[in-house]
N, C-alpha and C. Protein backbone atom coordinates (compact mmCIF):
# COMPACT_ATOMS: atom_id res chain seq x y z
N UNK A 1 77.27 94.74 126.68
CA UNK A 1 77.84 94.15 125.48
C UNK A 1 79.19 93.52 125.84
N UNK A 2 79.41 92.33 125.38
CA UNK A 2 80.67 91.62 125.61
C UNK A 2 81.57 91.80 124.39
N UNK A 3 82.87 91.96 124.60
CA UNK A 3 83.82 92.15 123.50
C UNK A 3 84.90 91.08 123.54
N UNK A 4 85.44 90.78 122.37
CA UNK A 4 86.59 89.88 122.26
C UNK A 4 87.77 90.71 121.82
N UNK A 5 88.90 90.59 122.48
CA UNK A 5 90.12 91.33 122.14
C UNK A 5 90.93 90.56 121.10
N UNK A 6 91.47 91.31 120.12
CA UNK A 6 92.31 90.74 119.08
C UNK A 6 93.74 91.24 119.16
N UNK A 7 94.03 92.13 120.08
CA UNK A 7 95.38 92.66 120.20
C UNK A 7 95.64 93.75 119.19
N UNK A 8 96.88 94.18 119.11
CA UNK A 8 97.27 95.26 118.21
C UNK A 8 97.41 94.71 116.79
N UNK A 9 96.38 94.88 116.01
CA UNK A 9 96.33 94.36 114.63
C UNK A 9 95.85 95.48 113.70
N UNK A 10 96.19 95.41 112.43
CA UNK A 10 95.72 96.42 111.47
C UNK A 10 94.32 96.07 110.96
N UNK A 11 93.38 95.89 111.88
CA UNK A 11 92.03 95.45 111.53
C UNK A 11 91.07 96.62 111.55
N UNK A 12 90.83 97.19 110.39
CA UNK A 12 89.83 98.22 110.24
C UNK A 12 88.89 97.82 109.10
N UNK A 13 87.70 98.31 109.15
CA UNK A 13 86.73 98.03 108.10
C UNK A 13 86.10 99.33 107.64
N UNK A 14 85.91 99.55 106.38
CA UNK A 14 86.42 98.70 105.29
C UNK A 14 87.88 99.00 105.00
N UNK A 15 88.58 98.02 104.52
CA UNK A 15 89.96 98.19 104.04
C UNK A 15 89.91 98.07 102.53
N UNK A 16 90.25 99.16 101.82
CA UNK A 16 90.19 99.07 100.36
C UNK A 16 91.21 98.07 99.83
N UNK A 17 90.89 97.48 98.71
CA UNK A 17 91.83 96.62 98.01
C UNK A 17 92.36 97.44 96.85
N UNK A 18 93.61 97.86 96.98
CA UNK A 18 94.26 98.68 95.97
C UNK A 18 95.20 97.84 95.13
N UNK A 19 95.17 98.08 93.83
CA UNK A 19 96.10 97.42 92.93
C UNK A 19 97.10 98.49 92.50
N UNK A 20 98.34 98.32 92.94
CA UNK A 20 99.40 99.28 92.66
C UNK A 20 100.06 98.89 91.34
N UNK A 21 100.07 99.82 90.40
CA UNK A 21 100.63 99.57 89.08
C UNK A 21 101.90 100.37 88.85
N UNK A 22 102.90 99.73 88.27
CA UNK A 22 104.16 100.38 87.93
C UNK A 22 104.68 99.81 86.61
N UNK A 23 105.63 100.53 86.03
CA UNK A 23 106.39 100.02 84.90
C UNK A 23 107.81 99.74 85.36
N UNK A 24 108.42 98.70 84.77
CA UNK A 24 109.84 98.48 85.03
C UNK A 24 110.66 99.33 84.05
N UNK A 25 111.95 99.17 84.09
CA UNK A 25 112.84 99.98 83.24
C UNK A 25 112.63 99.74 81.75
N UNK A 26 111.98 98.63 81.39
CA UNK A 26 111.72 98.32 79.98
C UNK A 26 110.27 98.62 79.57
N UNK A 27 109.52 99.25 80.46
CA UNK A 27 108.13 99.58 80.15
C UNK A 27 107.16 98.43 80.31
N UNK A 28 107.59 97.37 81.00
CA UNK A 28 106.71 96.22 81.25
C UNK A 28 105.87 96.52 82.49
N UNK A 29 104.53 96.41 82.38
CA UNK A 29 103.69 96.71 83.53
C UNK A 29 103.74 95.62 84.59
N UNK A 30 103.60 96.05 85.83
CA UNK A 30 103.53 95.15 86.97
C UNK A 30 102.41 95.66 87.86
N UNK A 31 101.81 94.76 88.61
CA UNK A 31 100.75 95.14 89.55
C UNK A 31 100.85 94.29 90.80
N UNK A 32 100.48 94.88 91.91
CA UNK A 32 100.42 94.13 93.17
C UNK A 32 99.18 94.56 93.94
N UNK A 33 98.71 93.70 94.80
CA UNK A 33 97.56 93.94 95.66
C UNK A 33 98.07 94.50 96.98
N UNK A 34 97.49 95.61 97.41
CA UNK A 34 97.86 96.21 98.69
C UNK A 34 96.59 96.62 99.43
N UNK A 35 96.49 96.25 100.70
CA UNK A 35 95.29 96.57 101.46
C UNK A 35 95.52 97.61 102.55
N UNK A 36 96.75 97.91 102.88
CA UNK A 36 97.01 98.85 103.96
C UNK A 36 97.30 100.22 103.39
N UNK A 37 96.26 100.94 103.01
CA UNK A 37 96.45 102.26 102.43
C UNK A 37 95.28 103.18 102.72
N UNK A 38 95.52 104.46 102.54
CA UNK A 38 94.46 105.44 102.72
C UNK A 38 94.88 106.81 102.26
N UNK A 39 93.92 107.72 102.22
CA UNK A 39 94.17 109.11 101.88
C UNK A 39 94.74 109.79 103.11
N UNK A 40 95.86 110.50 102.94
CA UNK A 40 96.51 111.12 104.09
C UNK A 40 96.57 112.64 104.00
N UNK A 41 96.28 113.20 102.85
CA UNK A 41 96.19 114.64 102.63
C UNK A 41 95.21 114.82 101.47
N UNK A 42 94.86 116.06 101.19
CA UNK A 42 93.90 116.31 100.11
C UNK A 42 94.39 115.78 98.77
N UNK A 43 95.68 115.86 98.52
CA UNK A 43 96.22 115.35 97.25
C UNK A 43 97.33 114.32 97.50
N UNK A 44 97.16 113.52 98.55
CA UNK A 44 98.18 112.53 98.90
C UNK A 44 97.52 111.26 99.42
N UNK A 45 98.10 110.14 99.04
CA UNK A 45 97.72 108.87 99.64
C UNK A 45 98.97 108.18 100.14
N UNK A 46 98.78 107.27 101.06
CA UNK A 46 99.89 106.51 101.62
C UNK A 46 99.51 105.04 101.65
N UNK A 47 100.51 104.21 101.47
CA UNK A 47 100.30 102.77 101.48
C UNK A 47 101.54 102.10 102.05
N UNK A 48 101.33 101.00 102.74
CA UNK A 48 102.43 100.26 103.35
C UNK A 48 102.85 99.13 102.40
N UNK A 49 104.12 99.18 101.97
CA UNK A 49 104.66 98.17 101.04
C UNK A 49 106.03 97.72 101.49
N UNK A 50 106.26 96.44 101.51
CA UNK A 50 107.58 95.92 101.83
C UNK A 50 108.56 96.27 100.71
N UNK A 51 109.75 96.76 101.05
CA UNK A 51 110.70 97.24 100.04
C UNK A 51 111.15 96.21 99.01
N UNK A 52 111.03 94.92 99.31
CA UNK A 52 111.53 93.92 98.36
C UNK A 52 110.57 93.66 97.20
N UNK A 53 109.38 94.26 97.22
CA UNK A 53 108.44 94.07 96.11
C UNK A 53 109.00 94.63 94.81
N UNK A 54 108.72 93.96 93.72
CA UNK A 54 109.09 94.45 92.38
C UNK A 54 108.49 95.85 92.16
N UNK A 55 107.31 96.05 92.65
CA UNK A 55 106.64 97.36 92.55
C UNK A 55 107.52 98.47 93.12
N UNK A 56 108.14 98.23 94.27
CA UNK A 56 108.99 99.24 94.91
C UNK A 56 110.24 99.50 94.09
N UNK A 57 110.82 98.45 93.55
CA UNK A 57 111.99 98.63 92.68
C UNK A 57 111.62 99.45 91.45
N UNK A 58 110.41 99.21 90.94
CA UNK A 58 109.95 99.93 89.75
C UNK A 58 109.72 101.41 90.03
N UNK A 59 108.95 101.74 91.08
CA UNK A 59 108.66 103.16 91.29
C UNK A 59 109.90 103.92 91.75
N UNK A 60 110.89 103.23 92.27
CA UNK A 60 112.15 103.90 92.60
C UNK A 60 112.83 104.41 91.33
N UNK A 61 112.61 103.70 90.22
CA UNK A 61 113.21 104.08 88.94
C UNK A 61 112.35 105.08 88.17
N UNK A 62 111.03 104.92 88.24
CA UNK A 62 110.14 105.75 87.42
C UNK A 62 109.59 106.97 88.17
N UNK A 63 109.57 106.90 89.49
CA UNK A 63 109.03 108.01 90.27
C UNK A 63 107.52 108.11 90.22
N UNK A 64 106.86 107.02 89.82
CA UNK A 64 105.41 107.08 89.65
C UNK A 64 104.76 105.72 89.89
N UNK A 65 103.47 105.76 90.18
CA UNK A 65 102.67 104.55 90.33
C UNK A 65 101.21 104.92 90.17
N UNK A 66 100.38 103.92 89.94
CA UNK A 66 98.94 104.10 89.92
C UNK A 66 98.31 103.24 91.00
N UNK A 67 97.15 103.65 91.44
CA UNK A 67 96.36 102.87 92.39
C UNK A 67 95.00 102.67 91.75
N UNK A 68 94.70 101.42 91.41
CA UNK A 68 93.39 101.08 90.86
C UNK A 68 92.59 100.39 91.94
N UNK A 69 91.29 100.64 91.92
CA UNK A 69 90.42 100.01 92.91
C UNK A 69 89.99 98.65 92.39
N UNK A 70 90.30 97.62 93.18
CA UNK A 70 89.88 96.27 92.82
C UNK A 70 88.36 96.22 92.81
N UNK A 71 87.82 95.40 91.92
CA UNK A 71 86.36 95.30 91.83
C UNK A 71 85.91 93.84 91.85
N UNK A 72 84.61 93.67 92.02
CA UNK A 72 84.05 92.33 92.15
C UNK A 72 84.29 91.49 90.90
N UNK A 73 84.17 92.09 89.73
CA UNK A 73 84.32 91.34 88.48
C UNK A 73 85.74 90.80 88.28
N UNK A 74 86.72 91.46 88.90
CA UNK A 74 88.12 91.07 88.72
C UNK A 74 88.77 90.65 90.03
N UNK A 75 87.97 90.19 90.98
CA UNK A 75 88.50 89.83 92.30
C UNK A 75 89.58 88.76 92.22
N UNK A 76 89.40 87.75 91.38
CA UNK A 76 90.40 86.68 91.28
C UNK A 76 91.71 87.22 90.72
N UNK A 77 91.64 88.05 89.67
CA UNK A 77 92.85 88.62 89.09
C UNK A 77 93.54 89.54 90.09
N UNK A 78 92.75 90.30 90.83
CA UNK A 78 93.31 91.21 91.83
C UNK A 78 93.97 90.44 92.97
N UNK A 79 93.39 89.35 93.36
CA UNK A 79 93.99 88.50 94.39
C UNK A 79 95.27 87.86 93.87
N UNK A 80 95.24 87.42 92.60
CA UNK A 80 96.41 86.77 92.00
C UNK A 80 97.64 87.68 92.04
N UNK A 81 97.46 88.98 91.70
CA UNK A 81 98.63 89.86 91.68
C UNK A 81 99.15 90.15 93.08
N UNK A 82 98.39 89.75 94.09
CA UNK A 82 98.87 89.82 95.47
C UNK A 82 99.55 88.54 95.91
N UNK A 83 99.27 87.46 95.23
CA UNK A 83 99.85 86.15 95.57
C UNK A 83 101.17 85.95 94.83
N UNK A 84 101.17 86.25 93.53
CA UNK A 84 102.37 86.06 92.70
C UNK A 84 103.30 87.25 92.85
N UNK A 85 104.59 86.97 92.91
CA UNK A 85 105.59 88.03 93.01
C UNK A 85 106.13 88.40 91.64
N UNK A 86 106.19 89.70 91.36
CA UNK A 86 106.78 90.16 90.11
C UNK A 86 108.26 89.84 90.01
N UNK A 87 108.90 89.57 91.15
CA UNK A 87 110.31 89.16 91.14
C UNK A 87 110.46 87.74 90.60
N UNK A 88 109.40 86.91 90.76
CA UNK A 88 109.45 85.52 90.32
C UNK A 88 108.64 85.26 89.05
N UNK A 89 107.60 86.05 88.83
CA UNK A 89 106.71 85.87 87.68
C UNK A 89 106.69 87.18 86.90
N UNK A 90 107.62 87.35 85.98
CA UNK A 90 107.75 88.64 85.29
C UNK A 90 106.53 89.03 84.46
N UNK A 91 105.70 88.05 84.05
CA UNK A 91 104.53 88.36 83.24
C UNK A 91 103.23 88.20 84.03
N UNK A 92 103.29 88.43 85.35
CA UNK A 92 102.09 88.22 86.16
C UNK A 92 100.96 89.17 85.79
N UNK A 93 101.28 90.36 85.31
CA UNK A 93 100.27 91.33 84.87
C UNK A 93 99.43 90.71 83.75
N UNK A 94 100.12 90.18 82.76
CA UNK A 94 99.47 89.52 81.64
C UNK A 94 98.74 88.25 82.08
N UNK A 95 99.37 87.45 82.95
CA UNK A 95 98.74 86.22 83.44
C UNK A 95 97.45 86.52 84.21
N UNK A 96 97.38 87.69 84.86
CA UNK A 96 96.17 88.08 85.58
C UNK A 96 95.06 88.46 84.62
N UNK A 97 95.41 88.65 83.35
CA UNK A 97 94.42 89.06 82.36
C UNK A 97 94.27 90.56 82.24
N UNK A 98 95.24 91.29 82.79
CA UNK A 98 95.20 92.75 82.73
C UNK A 98 95.88 93.27 81.46
N UNK A 99 95.39 94.39 80.99
CA UNK A 99 96.03 95.15 79.93
C UNK A 99 96.20 96.57 80.45
N UNK A 100 97.12 97.32 79.84
CA UNK A 100 97.42 98.65 80.36
C UNK A 100 97.45 99.69 79.26
N UNK A 101 97.12 100.90 79.68
CA UNK A 101 97.32 102.10 78.88
C UNK A 101 98.21 103.00 79.71
N UNK A 102 99.22 103.60 79.09
CA UNK A 102 100.12 104.48 79.84
C UNK A 102 99.35 105.72 80.28
N UNK A 103 99.49 106.06 81.55
CA UNK A 103 98.89 107.28 82.08
C UNK A 103 99.37 108.48 81.30
N UNK A 104 98.50 109.46 81.09
CA UNK A 104 98.88 110.71 80.44
C UNK A 104 99.60 111.64 81.41
N UNK A 105 99.56 111.29 82.72
CA UNK A 105 100.07 112.20 83.75
C UNK A 105 101.34 111.72 84.45
N UNK A 106 101.52 110.40 84.54
CA UNK A 106 102.69 109.84 85.22
C UNK A 106 103.19 108.64 84.43
N UNK A 107 104.43 108.21 84.69
CA UNK A 107 105.01 107.06 84.00
C UNK A 107 104.61 105.77 84.72
N UNK A 108 103.32 105.44 84.59
CA UNK A 108 102.78 104.24 85.24
C UNK A 108 101.55 103.77 84.45
N UNK A 109 101.20 102.49 84.58
CA UNK A 109 100.09 101.94 83.81
C UNK A 109 98.72 102.20 84.45
N UNK A 110 97.76 102.52 83.59
CA UNK A 110 96.36 102.51 83.97
C UNK A 110 95.85 101.13 83.59
N UNK A 111 95.32 100.39 84.54
CA UNK A 111 94.82 99.04 84.27
C UNK A 111 93.45 99.19 83.63
N UNK A 112 93.35 98.79 82.37
CA UNK A 112 92.13 98.99 81.59
C UNK A 112 90.91 98.28 82.18
N UNK A 113 91.11 97.17 82.82
CA UNK A 113 89.98 96.37 83.31
C UNK A 113 89.38 96.93 84.61
N UNK A 114 90.09 97.79 85.32
CA UNK A 114 89.60 98.34 86.59
C UNK A 114 89.15 99.78 86.36
N UNK A 115 87.93 100.11 86.78
CA UNK A 115 87.28 101.37 86.40
C UNK A 115 87.90 102.62 87.01
N UNK A 116 88.41 102.54 88.23
CA UNK A 116 88.91 103.74 88.90
C UNK A 116 90.42 103.63 89.07
N UNK A 117 91.12 104.71 88.68
CA UNK A 117 92.57 104.74 88.78
C UNK A 117 93.04 106.07 89.33
N UNK A 118 93.87 106.02 90.35
CA UNK A 118 94.49 107.20 90.94
C UNK A 118 95.93 107.22 90.48
N UNK A 119 96.32 108.30 89.78
CA UNK A 119 97.64 108.40 89.18
C UNK A 119 98.53 109.26 90.08
N UNK A 120 99.68 108.73 90.49
CA UNK A 120 100.50 109.37 91.52
C UNK A 120 101.96 109.51 91.15
N UNK A 121 102.55 110.58 91.65
CA UNK A 121 104.00 110.75 91.66
C UNK A 121 104.48 110.34 93.04
N UNK A 122 105.63 109.68 93.10
CA UNK A 122 106.20 109.30 94.39
C UNK A 122 106.65 110.56 95.13
N UNK A 123 106.13 110.75 96.34
CA UNK A 123 106.61 111.84 97.19
C UNK A 123 107.76 111.34 98.05
N UNK A 124 107.56 110.15 98.63
CA UNK A 124 108.62 109.56 99.45
C UNK A 124 108.31 108.09 99.67
N UNK A 125 109.38 107.36 99.96
CA UNK A 125 109.24 105.95 100.37
C UNK A 125 110.26 105.70 101.45
N UNK A 126 109.79 105.36 102.63
CA UNK A 126 110.65 105.08 103.77
C UNK A 126 110.79 103.56 103.90
N UNK A 127 111.96 103.05 103.59
CA UNK A 127 112.19 101.61 103.64
C UNK A 127 112.13 101.05 105.07
N UNK A 128 112.32 101.90 106.07
CA UNK A 128 112.25 101.43 107.46
C UNK A 128 110.80 101.27 107.93
N UNK A 129 109.95 102.21 107.57
CA UNK A 129 108.54 102.11 107.97
C UNK A 129 107.68 101.46 106.90
N UNK A 130 108.24 101.31 105.70
CA UNK A 130 107.55 100.73 104.53
C UNK A 130 106.42 101.63 104.01
N UNK A 131 106.45 102.91 104.34
CA UNK A 131 105.38 103.81 103.93
C UNK A 131 105.74 104.54 102.64
N UNK A 132 104.89 104.32 101.64
CA UNK A 132 104.98 105.03 100.37
C UNK A 132 103.96 106.15 100.41
N UNK A 133 104.42 107.35 100.12
CA UNK A 133 103.52 108.50 100.02
C UNK A 133 103.51 108.95 98.56
N UNK A 134 102.33 109.13 98.01
CA UNK A 134 102.20 109.55 96.63
C UNK A 134 101.39 110.82 96.48
N UNK A 135 101.83 111.68 95.60
CA UNK A 135 101.07 112.88 95.26
C UNK A 135 100.05 112.50 94.19
N UNK A 136 98.79 112.70 94.49
CA UNK A 136 97.73 112.41 93.54
C UNK A 136 97.73 113.52 92.48
N UNK A 137 97.95 113.12 91.22
CA UNK A 137 97.95 114.12 90.14
C UNK A 137 96.73 113.99 89.23
N UNK A 138 96.05 112.85 89.30
CA UNK A 138 94.83 112.68 88.51
C UNK A 138 94.07 111.46 89.02
N UNK A 139 92.77 111.53 88.90
CA UNK A 139 91.90 110.36 89.12
C UNK A 139 91.12 110.19 87.83
N UNK A 140 91.18 109.00 87.27
CA UNK A 140 90.41 108.73 86.05
C UNK A 140 89.42 107.61 86.32
N UNK A 141 88.26 107.72 85.68
CA UNK A 141 87.20 106.72 85.83
C UNK A 141 86.71 106.35 84.44
N UNK A 142 86.65 105.07 84.18
CA UNK A 142 86.16 104.59 82.89
C UNK A 142 84.71 105.04 82.72
N UNK A 143 84.39 105.51 81.52
CA UNK A 143 83.05 106.03 81.26
C UNK A 143 81.96 105.00 81.48
N UNK A 144 82.29 103.72 81.36
CA UNK A 144 81.29 102.68 81.59
C UNK A 144 80.84 102.62 83.05
N UNK A 145 81.59 103.25 83.93
CA UNK A 145 81.26 103.24 85.37
C UNK A 145 80.63 104.56 85.82
N UNK A 146 80.18 105.37 84.85
CA UNK A 146 79.54 106.65 85.18
C UNK A 146 78.04 106.57 84.98
N UNK A 147 77.32 107.32 85.80
CA UNK A 147 75.90 107.56 85.62
C UNK A 147 75.69 109.05 85.73
N UNK A 148 75.10 109.63 84.72
CA UNK A 148 74.90 111.09 84.66
C UNK A 148 76.22 111.84 84.86
N UNK A 149 77.31 111.29 84.30
CA UNK A 149 78.61 111.95 84.35
C UNK A 149 79.35 111.81 85.67
N UNK A 150 78.82 111.04 86.62
CA UNK A 150 79.47 110.86 87.92
C UNK A 150 79.78 109.38 88.16
N UNK A 151 80.89 109.09 88.87
CA UNK A 151 81.18 107.69 89.19
C UNK A 151 80.02 107.05 89.95
N UNK A 152 79.67 105.85 89.54
CA UNK A 152 78.55 105.11 90.12
C UNK A 152 79.11 103.91 90.87
N UNK A 153 79.03 103.94 92.18
CA UNK A 153 79.63 102.88 93.00
C UNK A 153 79.04 101.52 92.68
N UNK A 154 77.77 101.47 92.28
CA UNK A 154 77.17 100.18 91.92
C UNK A 154 77.80 99.61 90.65
N UNK A 155 78.16 100.48 89.71
CA UNK A 155 78.82 100.02 88.48
C UNK A 155 80.29 99.69 88.74
N UNK A 156 80.93 100.44 89.62
CA UNK A 156 82.34 100.20 89.94
C UNK A 156 82.47 98.90 90.74
N UNK A 157 81.56 98.66 91.66
CA UNK A 157 81.56 97.46 92.52
C UNK A 157 82.91 97.22 93.19
N UNK A 158 83.45 98.25 93.90
CA UNK A 158 84.74 98.06 94.56
C UNK A 158 84.64 97.00 95.65
N UNK A 159 85.77 96.33 95.87
CA UNK A 159 85.80 95.35 96.95
C UNK A 159 86.70 95.86 98.08
N UNK A 160 86.41 95.36 99.25
CA UNK A 160 87.26 95.62 100.41
C UNK A 160 87.66 94.27 100.97
N UNK A 161 88.71 94.28 101.76
CA UNK A 161 89.16 93.04 102.39
C UNK A 161 88.70 93.05 103.84
N UNK A 162 88.23 91.93 104.28
CA UNK A 162 87.85 91.71 105.67
C UNK A 162 89.03 91.01 106.33
N UNK A 163 89.87 91.75 107.08
CA UNK A 163 91.07 91.14 107.66
C UNK A 163 90.76 90.16 108.80
N UNK A 164 89.59 90.25 109.37
CA UNK A 164 89.21 89.32 110.43
C UNK A 164 89.02 87.91 109.87
N UNK A 165 88.51 87.82 108.64
CA UNK A 165 88.15 86.53 108.06
C UNK A 165 88.86 86.21 106.74
N UNK A 166 89.84 87.05 106.35
CA UNK A 166 90.53 86.86 105.07
C UNK A 166 89.55 86.67 103.93
N UNK A 167 88.66 87.65 103.76
CA UNK A 167 87.63 87.56 102.73
C UNK A 167 87.50 88.91 102.02
N UNK A 168 87.02 88.85 100.79
CA UNK A 168 86.71 90.05 100.03
C UNK A 168 85.20 90.25 100.05
N UNK A 169 84.78 91.51 100.14
CA UNK A 169 83.36 91.86 100.10
C UNK A 169 83.17 93.02 99.14
N UNK A 170 82.06 93.02 98.45
CA UNK A 170 81.75 94.11 97.54
C UNK A 170 81.09 95.24 98.34
N UNK A 171 81.40 96.46 97.94
CA UNK A 171 80.82 97.65 98.56
C UNK A 171 79.81 98.22 97.57
N UNK A 172 78.71 98.74 98.06
CA UNK A 172 77.81 99.34 97.09
C UNK A 172 76.46 99.80 97.58
N UNK A 173 75.93 99.28 98.64
CA UNK A 173 74.59 99.66 99.06
C UNK A 173 74.59 101.04 99.69
N UNK A 174 73.75 101.92 99.18
CA UNK A 174 73.63 103.28 99.71
C UNK A 174 72.72 103.27 100.93
N UNK A 175 73.16 103.94 102.00
CA UNK A 175 72.34 104.04 103.21
C UNK A 175 71.88 105.46 103.49
N UNK A 176 72.38 106.44 102.74
CA UNK A 176 71.96 107.82 102.94
C UNK A 176 72.95 108.76 102.29
N UNK A 177 72.66 110.05 102.34
CA UNK A 177 73.55 111.07 101.78
C UNK A 177 74.44 111.63 102.87
N UNK A 178 75.74 111.71 102.57
CA UNK A 178 76.72 112.23 103.52
C UNK A 178 76.46 113.70 103.80
N UNK A 179 76.74 114.11 105.00
CA UNK A 179 76.53 115.48 105.48
C UNK A 179 75.08 115.90 105.31
N UNK A 180 74.18 114.90 105.42
CA UNK A 180 72.75 115.18 105.28
C UNK A 180 71.94 114.37 106.28
N UNK A 181 72.13 113.05 106.28
CA UNK A 181 71.27 112.22 107.13
C UNK A 181 71.44 112.54 108.62
N UNK A 182 72.61 113.00 109.00
CA UNK A 182 72.86 113.35 110.40
C UNK A 182 72.18 114.64 110.82
N UNK A 183 71.80 115.47 109.87
CA UNK A 183 71.13 116.74 110.19
C UNK A 183 69.74 116.53 110.76
N UNK A 184 69.21 115.35 110.62
CA UNK A 184 67.86 115.05 111.12
C UNK A 184 67.86 114.44 112.51
N UNK A 185 69.05 114.23 113.08
CA UNK A 185 69.14 113.60 114.41
C UNK A 185 68.78 114.59 115.49
């Protein structure tokens, strides 16, 4: 097999497309698109964010943020909140077509249009490494995305980013049951 080298790049697949939601000091919701994130502990996630983002200024004041999973139905809106800066477009949340409900657990918005939301308290933010660590205090899923009381990935239709080709792809096809299909090898 022949390989092509790409050098030291943050190219992993799949890379989730996370929409980070915060409130400013006046309770105005803001959202940004972030692709460099993952679960780092059982009740912790981490994401890489440049400190100059409006989102970072907001969670520094509120101590909280939400992470919603971008989906196929809202891919354009999710991309938009990654293109437009909350520092320059104060109503970008509204322009994206998003509406919010305040989380019952943290001082941050739950984006009504996105089915899955992880509600977090800020554990730490290192401005030198740009790493935000959040304590997961709740995960909520819109009932429209449930089947038999469980989240249904086909209904959620989460997207991931392909960093090799700057493209979004929907995730959803089941190939087997985890911790099961390997038992037959």
